[in-house]
């Protein structure tokens, strides 16, 4: 057996100290953009009533309002809520995405332009 193996079996590190386990530092996980299905009031009700009770599925449901200002207000409130769920790209990602789109756009313009030029020449050749 080698000397390294003996130290590993005995639970010592290279310098002979005992309990040489090292802590693994992990990065915080990136957000996935998914939200929990439980609302805050449902979680509070579950905490009050115990975990074995059924989850409330009914939420406040209101019919369509006839007031156009209330409709616009509710719509804008929903838009703001959806925008909070969006995971926005950082600057490097945005530059990469933009350059990919521009390269693809240039390729497609060239391809369609060449096809148009070729078909125009073919039409002139056939119909003179």
Protein backbone atom coordinates (compact mmCIF):
# COMPACT_ATOMS: atom_id res chain seq x y z
CA UNK A 1 0.00 0.00 0.00
CA UNK A 2 1.13 3.52 -0.70
CA UNK A 3 1.54 6.25 1.87
CA UNK A 4 -1.26 8.30 0.30
CA UNK A 5 -3.76 5.48 0.76
CA UNK A 6 -2.93 5.09 4.43
CA UNK A 7 -3.58 8.78 5.07
CA UNK A 8 -6.89 8.58 3.20
CA UNK A 9 -8.03 5.53 5.17
CA UNK A 10 -7.12 7.13 8.45
CA UNK A 11 -9.18 10.26 7.67
CA UNK A 12 -6.22 12.62 7.67
CA UNK A 13 -5.21 15.10 5.02
CA UNK A 14 -1.75 15.55 3.48
CA UNK A 15 -0.31 17.39 6.48
CA UNK A 16 -1.59 14.79 8.96
CA UNK A 17 -4.56 16.72 10.38
CA UNK A 18 -7.75 14.84 11.23
CA UNK A 19 -11.14 15.61 9.70
CA UNK A 20 -9.83 17.13 6.52
CA UNK A 21 -13.18 17.48 4.73
CA UNK A 22 -13.44 20.62 2.68
CA UNK A 23 -16.57 22.67 2.26
CA UNK A 24 -17.91 22.91 -1.27
CA UNK A 25 -18.94 26.43 -2.17
CA UNK A 26 -21.71 26.53 -4.73
CA UNK A 27 -23.03 29.47 -6.70
CA UNK A 28 -26.62 30.51 -6.15
CA UNK A 29 -28.84 28.91 -8.74
CA UNK A 30 -30.02 31.03 -11.64
CA UNK A 31 -33.74 31.73 -11.75
CA UNK A 32 -35.72 29.53 -14.10
CA UNK A 33 -38.55 31.97 -14.63
CA UNK A 34 -41.07 29.57 -13.15
CA UNK A 35 -43.23 30.76 -10.33
CA UNK A 36 -44.74 28.71 -7.56
CA UNK A 37 -48.34 27.70 -8.15
CA UNK A 38 -49.30 28.44 -4.56
CA UNK A 39 -50.35 31.98 -3.87
CA UNK A 40 -49.32 33.73 -0.67
CA UNK A 41 -52.80 33.55 0.88
CA UNK A 42 -53.01 29.82 0.13
CA UNK A 43 -49.67 29.22 1.82
CA UNK A 44 -50.87 31.16 4.88
CA UNK A 45 -54.09 29.12 4.98
CA UNK A 46 -52.08 25.90 4.77
CA UNK A 47 -49.87 27.03 7.61
CA UNK A 48 -52.90 27.87 9.78
CA UNK A 49 -54.96 24.75 9.02
CA UNK A 50 -52.17 22.20 8.84
CA UNK A 51 -50.59 20.42 5.90
CA UNK A 52 -53.24 17.69 5.57
CA UNK A 53 -56.03 20.06 4.47
CA UNK A 54 -56.90 20.57 0.82
CA UNK A 55 -55.35 23.44 -1.09
CA UNK A 56 -57.73 26.24 -1.95
CA UNK A 57 -58.14 26.40 -5.70
CA UNK A 58 -60.79 29.07 -5.91
CA UNK A 59 -59.48 32.59 -6.19
CA UNK A 60 -61.26 35.87 -6.51
CA UNK A 61 -63.09 35.72 -9.83
CA UNK A 62 -64.72 38.86 -11.07
CA UNK A 63 -66.80 39.26 -14.18
CA UNK A 64 -65.94 41.68 -16.95
CA UNK A 65 -66.31 45.26 -15.85
CA UNK A 66 -68.36 47.65 -17.94
CA UNK A 67 -66.15 50.55 -16.92
CA UNK A 68 -63.52 51.03 -19.68
CA UNK A 69 -61.11 52.74 -17.30
CA UNK A 70 -61.23 49.77 -14.92
CA UNK A 71 -60.66 47.44 -17.88
CA UNK A 72 -57.58 49.40 -18.98
CA UNK A 73 -56.31 49.55 -15.40
CA UNK A 74 -56.72 45.77 -14.94
CA UNK A 75 -55.06 45.14 -18.30
CA UNK A 76 -52.04 47.29 -17.44
CA UNK A 77 -51.81 45.62 -14.02
CA UNK A 78 -51.70 42.20 -15.72
CA UNK A 79 -49.08 43.44 -18.20
CA UNK A 80 -46.88 44.65 -15.33
CA UNK A 81 -47.29 41.30 -13.56
CA UNK A 82 -46.23 39.40 -16.70
CA UNK A 83 -43.23 41.70 -17.23
CA UNK A 84 -42.06 40.90 -13.68
CA UNK A 85 -41.92 37.20 -14.67
CA UNK A 86 -39.65 37.83 -17.67
CA UNK A 87 -35.99 36.92 -17.32
CA UNK A 88 -34.25 39.62 -19.29
CA UNK A 89 -31.01 38.85 -21.16
CA UNK A 90 -27.81 40.53 -20.05
CA UNK A 91 -25.79 42.81 -22.34
CA UNK A 92 -23.54 40.03 -23.71
CA UNK A 93 -26.52 37.79 -24.54
CA UNK A 94 -28.33 40.68 -26.21
CA UNK A 95 -25.32 41.50 -28.39
CA UNK A 96 -25.02 37.83 -29.38
CA UNK A 97 -28.71 37.50 -30.21
CA UNK A 98 -28.70 40.76 -32.18
CA UNK A 99 -25.66 39.76 -34.23
CA UNK A 100 -27.18 36.34 -35.02
CA UNK A 101 -30.38 38.00 -36.23
CA UNK A 102 -28.49 40.52 -38.37
CA UNK A 103 -26.30 37.82 -39.98
CA UNK A 104 -29.37 35.70 -40.74
CA UNK A 105 -31.15 38.75 -42.14
CA UNK A 106 -28.21 39.58 -44.44
CA UNK A 107 -28.08 35.96 -45.63
CA UNK A 108 -31.81 35.88 -46.40
CA UNK A 109 -31.72 39.24 -48.21
CA UNK A 110 -28.83 38.02 -50.37
CA UNK A 111 -30.57 34.70 -51.08
CA UNK A 112 -33.90 36.28 -52.05
CA UNK A 113 -32.13 39.02 -54.03
CA UNK A 114 -30.17 36.46 -56.04
CA UNK A 115 -33.31 34.37 -56.65
CA UNK A 116 -35.19 37.48 -57.81
CA UNK A 117 -32.34 38.55 -60.10
CA UNK A 118 -32.04 35.04 -61.57
CA UNK A 119 -35.77 34.70 -62.18
CA UNK A 120 -35.90 38.16 -63.77
CA UNK A 121 -33.11 37.19 -66.18
CA UNK A 122 -34.90 33.89 -66.93
CA UNK A 123 -38.17 35.70 -67.70
CA UNK A 124 -36.35 38.14 -70.00
CA UNK A 125 -34.64 35.24 -71.74
CA UNK A 126 -37.88 33.29 -72.27
CA UNK A 127 -40.24 36.15 -73.12
CA UNK A 128 -37.58 38.42 -74.59
